[in-house]
Amino acid sequence: MDPAVQDFRPDLIIISTHPEERSVWLSQDIVERARRKYSVPVRHVVSFVPAEIFGA
């Protein structure tokens, strides 16, 4: 278990990513890996910030 999860003991983990076409985390399957690793619910939130605002 990761130190932050062990120390904080959350009852929910929220992972926020860019949309799939811009997300490195999603290409690494981070959301599903977290769901398998932790015994608490994992929620995935997609940020739809326009590229011109984000600076990309």
C-alpha atoms as a PDB file:
ATOM      1  CA  MET A   1       0.000   0.000   0.000  1.00  0.00           C
ATOM      2  CA  ASP A   2       1.274   3.468  -0.807  1.00  0.00           C
ATOM      3  CA  PRO A   3       2.275   5.622   2.191  1.00  0.00           C
ATOM      4  CA  ALA A   4      -0.281   8.344   1.462  1.00  0.00           C
ATOM      5  CA  VAL A   5      -3.167   5.863   1.342  1.00  0.00           C
ATOM      6  CA  GLN A   6      -1.872   4.008   4.382  1.00  0.00           C
ATOM      7  CA  ASP A   7      -1.441   7.212   6.429  1.00  0.00           C
ATOM      8  CA  PHE A   8      -4.567   9.056   5.290  1.00  0.00           C
ATOM      9  CA  ARG A   9      -6.909   6.017   5.002  1.00  0.00           C
ATOM     10  CA  PRO A  10      -9.327   7.572   2.516  1.00  0.00           C
ATOM     11  CA  ASP A  11     -12.827   6.224   2.022  1.00  0.00           C
ATOM     12  CA  LEU A  12     -12.740   7.282  -1.639  1.00  0.00           C
ATOM     13  CA  ILE A  13      -9.980   7.929  -4.179  1.00  0.00           C
ATOM     14  CA  ILE A  14     -10.633  10.390  -7.002  1.00  0.00           C
ATOM     15  CA  ILE A  15      -8.366  10.374 -10.042  1.00  0.00           C
ATOM     16  CA  SER A  16      -8.705  13.326 -12.393  1.00  0.00           C
ATOM     17  CA  THR A  17      -7.220  13.028 -15.883  1.00  0.00           C
ATOM     18  CA  HIS A  18      -7.230  14.710 -19.238  1.00  0.00           C
ATOM     19  CA  PRO A  19      -9.436  13.101 -21.896  1.00  0.00           C
ATOM     20  CA  GLU A  20      -8.163   9.759 -23.164  1.00  0.00           C
ATOM     21  CA  GLU A  21      -6.447  11.182 -26.246  1.00  0.00           C
ATOM     22  CA  ARG A  22      -4.312  13.518 -24.058  1.00  0.00           C
ATOM     23  CA  SER A  23      -3.836  11.414 -20.920  1.00  0.00           C
ATOM     24  CA  VAL A  24      -0.624   9.568 -20.182  1.00  0.00           C
ATOM     25  CA  TRP A  25      -2.201   8.139 -17.021  1.00  0.00           C
ATOM     26  CA  LEU A  26      -5.036   6.529 -18.955  1.00  0.00           C
ATOM     27  CA  SER A  27      -2.592   5.011 -21.437  1.00  0.00           C
ATOM     28  CA  GLN A  28      -0.911   3.429 -18.391  1.00  0.00           C
ATOM     29  CA  ASP A  29      -4.281   2.096 -17.138  1.00  0.00           C
ATOM     30  CA  ILE A  30      -3.844   3.967 -13.838  1.00  0.00           C
ATOM     31  CA  VAL A  31      -7.554   4.065 -12.957  1.00  0.00           C
ATOM     32  CA  GLU A  32      -8.074   0.316 -13.295  1.00  0.00           C
ATOM     33  CA  ARG A  33      -4.791  -0.396 -11.529  1.00  0.00           C
ATOM     34  CA  ALA A  34      -5.910   1.752  -8.588  1.00  0.00           C
ATOM     35  CA  ARG A  35      -9.273  -0.034  -8.467  1.00  0.00           C
ATOM     36  CA  ARG A  36      -7.526  -3.396  -8.224  1.00  0.00           C
ATOM     37  CA  LYS A  37      -4.939  -2.179  -5.702  1.00  0.00           C
ATOM     38  CA  TYR A  38      -7.084  -0.376  -3.111  1.00  0.00           C
ATOM     39  CA  SER A  39     -10.029  -1.603  -1.097  1.00  0.00           C
ATOM     40  CA  VAL A  40     -11.901   1.709  -1.363  1.00  0.00           C
ATOM     41  CA  PRO A  41     -13.949   3.000  -4.304  1.00  0.00           C
ATOM     42  CA  VAL A  42     -11.999   4.775  -7.045  1.00  0.00           C
ATOM     43  CA  ARG A  43     -13.774   7.428  -9.105  1.00  0.00           C
ATOM     44  CA  HIS A  44     -12.475   8.781 -12.406  1.00  0.00           C
ATOM     45  CA  VAL A  45     -13.143  12.391 -13.380  1.00  0.00           C
ATOM     46  CA  VAL A  46     -12.197  13.694 -16.840  1.00  0.00           C
ATOM     47  CA  SER A  47     -11.117  17.319 -17.142  1.00  0.00           C
ATOM     48  CA  PHE A  48     -12.277  19.000 -20.318  1.00  0.00           C
ATOM     49  CA  VAL A  49     -10.194  22.174 -20.111  1.00  0.00           C
ATOM     50  CA  PRO A  50      -9.756  23.660 -23.607  1.00  0.00           C
ATOM     51  CA  ALA A  51      -6.189  23.388 -24.921  1.00  0.00           C
ATOM     52  CA  GLU A  52      -5.850  27.163 -25.321  1.00  0.00           C
ATOM     53  CA  ILE A  53      -6.628  27.681 -21.620  1.00  0.00           C
ATOM     54  CA  PHE A  54      -4.506  24.749 -20.501  1.00  0.00           C
ATOM     55  CA  GLY A  55      -1.537  26.039 -22.479  1.00  0.00           C
ATOM     56  CA  ALA A  56      -1.034  23.024 -24.685  1.00  0.00           C
END
